[in-house]
Amino acid sequence: MSGTEERSGGFTPQEWFAYEMSKCAKYDREGAHYEADNLMCGLLRRLGYGDGIDVFEEMDKWYA
């Protein structure tokens, strides 16, 4: 299998991300954005974009 076909826990990385985002979408509007932000920030940190995420996390959010 190539890297893009490799599966972990039955999901490709793309499938895992879509699945996790669909779980976030089940919250109310404010909660969905909060959960989605956390998911994306965690993923981007693991991919090496921590400095940019630090800046993002310091920004004012329109949701609490």
PDB file of N, CA and C in Angstrom:
ATOM      1  N   MET A   1       0.830  -1.195   0.000  1.00  0.00           N
ATOM      2  CA  MET A   1       0.000   0.000   0.000  1.00  0.00           C
ATOM      3  C   MET A   1       0.870   1.252   0.000  1.00  0.00           C
ATOM      4  N   SER A   2       0.417   2.259  -0.710  1.00  0.00           N
ATOM      5  CA  SER A   2       1.131   3.527  -0.672  1.00  0.00           C
ATOM      6  C   SER A   2       0.738   4.281   0.585  1.00  0.00           C
ATOM      7  N   GLY A   3       1.431   5.377   0.888  1.00  0.00           N
ATOM      8  CA  GLY A   3       1.145   6.170   2.074  1.00  0.00           C
ATOM      9  C   GLY A   3      -0.268   6.708   2.098  1.00  0.00           C
ATOM     10  N   THR A   4      -0.826   7.050   0.930  1.00  0.00           N
ATOM     11  CA  THR A   4      -2.180   7.600   0.905  1.00  0.00           C
ATOM     12  C   THR A   4      -3.242   6.520   1.051  1.00  0.00           C
ATOM     13  N   GLU A   5      -2.882   5.270   0.792  1.00  0.00           N
ATOM     14  CA  GLU A   5      -3.838   4.176   0.911  1.00  0.00           C
ATOM     15  C   GLU A   5      -3.762   3.495   2.269  1.00  0.00           C
ATOM     16  N   GLU A   6      -2.693   3.789   3.003  1.00  0.00           N
ATOM     17  CA  GLU A   6      -2.494   3.144   4.286  1.00  0.00           C
ATOM     18  C   GLU A   6      -3.622   3.526   5.242  1.00  0.00           C
ATOM     19  N   ARG A   7      -4.114   2.558   5.978  1.00  0.00           N
ATOM     20  CA  ARG A   7      -5.222   2.814   6.894  1.00  0.00           C
ATOM     21  C   ARG A   7      -4.783   2.550   8.330  1.00  0.00           C
ATOM     22  N   SER A   8      -5.262   3.394   9.203  1.00  0.00           N
ATOM     23  CA  SER A   8      -5.026   3.218  10.625  1.00  0.00           C
ATOM     24  C   SER A   8      -6.385   3.202  11.305  1.00  0.00           C
ATOM     25  N   GLY A   9      -6.708   2.114  11.948  1.00  0.00           N
ATOM     26  CA  GLY A   9      -7.999   2.009  12.594  1.00  0.00           C
ATOM     27  C   GLY A   9      -9.155   1.999  11.606  1.00  0.00           C
ATOM     28  N   GLY A  10      -8.908   1.616  10.363  1.00  0.00           N
ATOM     29  CA  GLY A  10      -9.952   1.545   9.368  1.00  0.00           C
ATOM     30  C   GLY A  10     -10.189   2.831   8.611  1.00  0.00           C
ATOM     31  N   PHE A  11      -9.484   3.889   8.933  1.00  0.00           N
ATOM     32  CA  PHE A  11      -9.675   5.185   8.286  1.00  0.00           C
ATOM     33  C   PHE A  11      -8.403   5.644   7.589  1.00  0.00           C
ATOM     34  N   THR A  12      -8.533   6.254   6.429  1.00  0.00           N
ATOM     35  CA  THR A  12      -7.413   7.017   5.884  1.00  0.00           C
ATOM     36  C   THR A  12      -7.357   8.311   6.691  1.00  0.00           C
ATOM     37  N   PRO A  13      -6.264   9.053   6.647  1.00  0.00           N
ATOM     38  CA  PRO A  13      -6.232  10.334   7.361  1.00  0.00           C
ATOM     39  C   PRO A  13      -7.364  11.267   6.939  1.00  0.00           C
ATOM     40  N   GLN A  14      -7.682  11.268   5.663  1.00  0.00           N
ATOM     41  CA  GLN A  14      -8.750  12.130   5.165  1.00  0.00           C
ATOM     42  C   GLN A  14     -10.109  11.693   5.713  1.00  0.00           C
ATOM     43  N   GLU A  15     -10.343  10.385   5.752  1.00  0.00           N
ATOM     44  CA  GLU A  15     -11.597   9.861   6.294  1.00  0.00           C
ATOM     45  C   GLU A  15     -11.710  10.149   7.790  1.00  0.00           C
ATOM     46  N   TRP A  16     -10.597   9.977   8.513  1.00  0.00           N
ATOM     47  CA  TRP A  16     -10.585  10.256   9.950  1.00  0.00           C
ATOM     48  C   TRP A  16     -10.952  11.715  10.209  1.00  0.00           C
ATOM     49  N   PHE A  17     -10.338  12.633   9.453  1.00  0.00           N
ATOM     50  CA  PHE A  17     -10.606  14.055   9.648  1.00  0.00           C
ATOM     51  C   PHE A  17     -12.071  14.373   9.349  1.00  0.00           C
ATOM     52  N   ALA A  18     -12.605  13.856   8.267  1.00  0.00           N
ATOM     53  CA  ALA A  18     -14.012  14.093   7.927  1.00  0.00           C
ATOM     54  C   ALA A  18     -14.929  13.529   9.010  1.00  0.00           C
ATOM     55  N   TYR A  19     -14.617  12.355   9.517  1.00  0.00           N
ATOM     56  CA  TYR A  19     -15.410  11.743  10.577  1.00  0.00           C
ATOM     57  C   TYR A  19     -15.391  12.594  11.838  1.00  0.00           C
ATOM     58  N   GLU A  20     -14.204  13.017  12.241  1.00  0.00           N
ATOM     59  CA  GLU A  20     -14.086  13.843  13.451  1.00  0.00           C
ATOM     60  C   GLU A  20     -14.783  15.190  13.275  1.00  0.00           C
ATOM     61  N   MET A  21     -14.693  15.795  12.098  1.00  0.00           N
ATOM     62  CA  MET A  21     -15.383  17.062  11.846  1.00  0.00           C
ATOM     63  C   MET A  21     -16.893  16.862  11.883  1.00  0.00           C
ATOM     64  N   SER A  22     -17.386  15.728  11.377  1.00  0.00           N
ATOM     65  CA  SER A  22     -18.829  15.476  11.418  1.00  0.00           C
ATOM     66  C   SER A  22     -19.311  15.360  12.858  1.00  0.00           C
ATOM     67  N   LYS A  23     -18.470  14.847  13.753  1.00  0.00           N
ATOM     68  CA  LYS A  23     -18.836  14.805  15.168  1.00  0.00           C
ATOM     69  C   LYS A  23     -18.928  16.219  15.734  1.00  0.00           C
ATOM     70  N   CYS A  24     -18.009  17.099  15.327  1.00  0.00           N
ATOM     71  CA  CYS A  24     -18.034  18.495  15.788  1.00  0.00           C
ATOM     72  C   CYS A  24     -19.311  19.192  15.331  1.00  0.00           C
ATOM     73  N   ALA A  25     -19.763  18.873  14.135  1.00  0.00           N
ATOM     74  CA  ALA A  25     -20.929  19.542  13.548  1.00  0.00           C
ATOM     75  C   ALA A  25     -22.215  19.239  14.299  1.00  0.00           C
ATOM     76  N   LYS A  26     -22.207  18.259  15.157  1.00  0.00           N
ATOM     77  CA  LYS A  26     -23.417  17.893  15.899  1.00  0.00           C
ATOM     78  C   LYS A  26     -23.676  18.803  17.096  1.00  0.00           C
ATOM     79  N   TYR A  27     -22.701  19.618  17.454  1.00  0.00           N
ATOM     80  CA  TYR A  27     -22.880  20.564  18.558  1.00  0.00           C
ATOM     81  C   TYR A  27     -23.699  21.755  18.066  1.00  0.00           C
ATOM     82  N   ASP A  28     -24.146  22.596  19.006  1.00  0.00           N
ATOM     83  CA  ASP A  28     -24.784  23.841  18.593  1.00  0.00           C
ATOM     84  C   ASP A  28     -23.743  24.693  17.869  1.00  0.00           C
ATOM     85  N   ARG A  29     -24.171  25.780  17.248  1.00  0.00           N
ATOM     86  CA  ARG A  29     -23.277  26.563  16.387  1.00  0.00           C
ATOM     87  C   ARG A  29     -21.993  26.971  17.108  1.00  0.00           C
ATOM     88  N   GLU A  30     -22.122  27.508  18.309  1.00  0.00           N
ATOM     89  CA  GLU A  30     -20.952  27.940  19.059  1.00  0.00           C
ATOM     90  C   GLU A  30     -20.057  26.757  19.421  1.00  0.00           C
ATOM     91  N   GLY A  31     -20.664  25.694  19.924  1.00  0.00           N
ATOM     92  CA  GLY A  31     -19.907  24.508  20.301  1.00  0.00           C
ATOM     93  C   GLY A  31     -19.231  23.847  19.114  1.00  0.00           C
ATOM     94  N   ALA A  32     -19.912  23.842  17.968  1.00  0.00           N
ATOM     95  CA  ALA A  32     -19.340  23.232  16.763  1.00  0.00           C
ATOM     96  C   ALA A  32     -18.063  23.952  16.344  1.00  0.00           C
ATOM     97  N   HIS A  33     -18.093  25.276  16.356  1.00  0.00           N
ATOM     98  CA  HIS A  33     -16.896  26.037  15.985  1.00  0.00           C
ATOM     99  C   HIS A  33     -15.771  25.827  16.985  1.00  0.00           C
ATOM    100  N   TYR A  34     -16.112  25.807  18.242  1.00  0.00           N
ATOM    101  CA  TYR A  34     -15.105  25.586  19.285  1.00  0.00           C
ATOM    102  C   TYR A  34     -14.443  24.221  19.108  1.00  0.00           C
ATOM    103  N   GLU A  35     -15.250  23.187  18.952  1.00  0.00           N
ATOM    104  CA  GLU A  35     -14.714  21.832  18.793  1.00  0.00           C
ATOM    105  C   GLU A  35     -13.919  21.684  17.498  1.00  0.00           C
ATOM    106  N   ALA A  36     -14.412  22.257  16.412  1.00  0.00           N
ATOM    107  CA  ALA A  36     -13.703  22.181  15.131  1.00  0.00           C
ATOM    108  C   ALA A  36     -12.366  22.903  15.212  1.00  0.00           C
ATOM    109  N   ASP A  37     -12.344  24.069  15.853  1.00  0.00           N
ATOM    110  CA  ASP A  37     -11.076  24.785  16.036  1.00  0.00           C
ATOM    111  C   ASP A  37     -10.083  23.925  16.799  1.00  0.00           C
ATOM    112  N   ASN A  38     -10.538  23.300  17.886  1.00  0.00           N
ATOM    113  CA  ASN A  38      -9.649  22.450  18.676  1.00  0.00           C
ATOM    114  C   ASN A  38      -9.110  21.287  17.854  1.00  0.00           C
ATOM    115  N   LEU A  39      -9.978  20.671  17.063  1.00  0.00           N
ATOM    116  CA  LEU A  39      -9.555  19.559  16.223  1.00  0.00           C
ATOM    117  C   LEU A  39      -8.496  20.005  15.219  1.00  0.00           C
ATOM    118  N   MET A  40      -8.777  21.107  14.516  1.00  0.00           N
ATOM    119  CA  MET A  40      -7.828  21.584  13.501  1.00  0.00           C
ATOM    120  C   MET A  40      -6.526  22.053  14.122  1.00  0.00           C
ATOM    121  N   CYS A  41      -6.606  22.728  15.266  1.00  0.00           N
ATOM    122  CA  CYS A  41      -5.379  23.187  15.917  1.00  0.00           C
ATOM    123  C   CYS A  41      -4.520  22.004  16.351  1.00  0.00           C
ATOM    124  N   GLY A  42      -5.146  20.989  16.908  1.00  0.00           N
ATOM    125  CA  GLY A  42      -4.391  19.810  17.323  1.00  0.00           C
ATOM    126  C   GLY A  42      -3.731  19.119  16.145  1.00  0.00           C
ATOM    127  N   LEU A  43      -4.453  19.004  15.061  1.00  0.00           N
ATOM    128  CA  LEU A  43      -3.909  18.373  13.859  1.00  0.00           C
ATOM    129  C   LEU A  43      -2.746  19.192  13.297  1.00  0.00           C
ATOM    130  N   LEU A  44      -2.935  20.493  13.190  1.00  0.00           N
ATOM    131  CA  LEU A  44      -1.865  21.345  12.657  1.00  0.00           C
ATOM    132  C   LEU A  44      -0.639  21.342  13.563  1.00  0.00           C
ATOM    133  N   ARG A  45      -0.838  21.296  14.878  1.00  0.00           N
ATOM    134  CA  ARG A  45       0.310  21.193  15.793  1.00  0.00           C
ATOM    135  C   ARG A  45       1.095  19.902  15.518  1.00  0.00           C
ATOM    136  N   ARG A  46       0.376  18.787  15.364  1.00  0.00           N
ATOM    137  CA  ARG A  46       1.055  17.507  15.098  1.00  0.00           C
ATOM    138  C   ARG A  46       1.800  17.521  13.770  1.00  0.00           C
ATOM    139  N   LEU A  47       1.343  18.358  12.844  1.00  0.00           N
ATOM    140  CA  LEU A  47       2.012  18.462  11.544  1.00  0.00           C
ATOM    141  C   LEU A  47       3.154  19.470  11.546  1.00  0.00           C
ATOM    142  N   GLY A  48       3.383  20.126  12.696  1.00  0.00           N
ATOM    143  CA  GLY A  48       4.534  21.019  12.813  1.00  0.00           C
ATOM    144  C   GLY A  48       4.230  22.496  12.670  1.00  0.00           C
ATOM    145  N   TYR A  49       2.954  22.881  12.739  1.00  0.00           N
ATOM    146  CA  TYR A  49       2.575  24.282  12.572  1.00  0.00           C
ATOM    147  C   TYR A  49       2.241  24.953  13.907  1.00  0.00           C
ATOM    148  N   GLY A  50       2.914  24.541  14.956  1.00  0.00           N
ATOM    149  CA  GLY A  50       2.612  25.029  16.295  1.00  0.00           C
ATOM    150  C   GLY A  50       2.756  26.525  16.471  1.00  0.00           C
ATOM    151  N   ASP A  51       3.766  27.132  15.843  1.00  0.00           N
ATOM    152  CA  ASP A  51       3.957  28.577  16.007  1.00  0.00           C
ATOM    153  C   ASP A  51       2.756  29.353  15.466  1.00  0.00           C
ATOM    154  N   GLY A  52       2.248  28.959  14.327  1.00  0.00           N
ATOM    155  CA  GLY A  52       1.076  29.622  13.763  1.00  0.00           C
ATOM    156  C   GLY A  52      -0.163  29.382  14.608  1.00  0.00           C
ATOM    157  N   ILE A  53      -0.280  28.198  15.178  1.00  0.00           N
ATOM    158  CA  ILE A  53      -1.413  27.895  16.042  1.00  0.00           C
ATOM    159  C   ILE A  53      -1.340  28.715  17.316  1.00  0.00           C
ATOM    160  N   ASP A  54      -0.135  28.943  17.833  1.00  0.00           N
ATOM    161  CA  ASP A  54       0.008  29.815  19.005  1.00  0.00           C
ATOM    162  C   ASP A  54      -0.574  31.194  18.715  1.00  0.00           C
ATOM    163  N   VAL A  55      -0.285  31.733  17.534  1.00  0.00           N
ATOM    164  CA  VAL A  55      -0.818  33.049  17.142  1.00  0.00           C
ATOM    165  C   VAL A  55      -2.339  32.978  17.047  1.00  0.00           C
ATOM    166  N   PHE A  56      -2.857  31.951  16.385  1.00  0.00           N
ATOM    167  CA  PHE A  56      -4.300  31.792  16.235  1.00  0.00           C
ATOM    168  C   PHE A  56      -4.987  31.731  17.592  1.00  0.00           C
ATOM    169  N   GLU A  57      -4.419  30.976  18.516  1.00  0.00           N
ATOM    170  CA  GLU A  57      -5.047  30.795  19.817  1.00  0.00           C
ATOM    171  C   GLU A  57      -5.043  32.076  20.655  1.00  0.00           C
ATOM    172  N   GLU A  58      -4.189  33.019  20.327  1.00  0.00           N
ATOM    173  CA  GLU A  58      -4.165  34.311  21.034  1.00  0.00           C
ATOM    174  C   GLU A  58      -5.206  35.276  20.494  1.00  0.00           C
ATOM    175  N   MET A  59      -5.781  35.004  19.324  1.00  0.00           N
ATOM    176  CA  MET A  59      -6.769  35.897  18.722  1.00  0.00           C
ATOM    177  C   MET A  59      -8.066  35.873  19.512  1.00  0.00           C
ATOM    178  N   ASP A  60      -8.775  37.001  19.505  1.00  0.00           N
ATOM    179  CA  ASP A  60     -10.114  37.036  20.079  1.00  0.00           C
ATOM    180  C   ASP A  60     -11.039  36.190  19.209  1.00  0.00           C
ATOM    181  N   LYS A  61     -11.898  35.445  19.867  1.00  0.00           N
ATOM    182  CA  LYS A  61     -12.880  34.624  19.164  1.00  0.00           C
ATOM    183  C   LYS A  61     -14.249  35.264  19.314  1.00  0.00           C
ATOM    184  N   TRP A  62     -15.113  35.084  18.356  1.00  0.00           N
ATOM    185  CA  TRP A  62     -16.452  35.629  18.443  1.00  0.00           C
ATOM    186  C   TRP A  62     -17.380  34.710  19.219  1.00  0.00           C
ATOM    187  N   TYR A  63     -16.892  33.554  19.553  1.00  0.00           N
ATOM    188  CA  TYR A  63     -17.631  32.640  20.391  1.00  0.00           C
ATOM    189  C   TYR A  63     -16.826  32.455  21.663  1.00  0.00           C
ATOM    190  N   ALA A  64     -17.482  32.079  22.737  1.00  0.00           N
ATOM    191  CA  ALA A  64     -16.798  32.008  24.027  1.00  0.00           C
ATOM    192  C   ALA A  64     -16.218  30.647  24.293  1.00  0.00           C
TER     193      ALA A  64
END
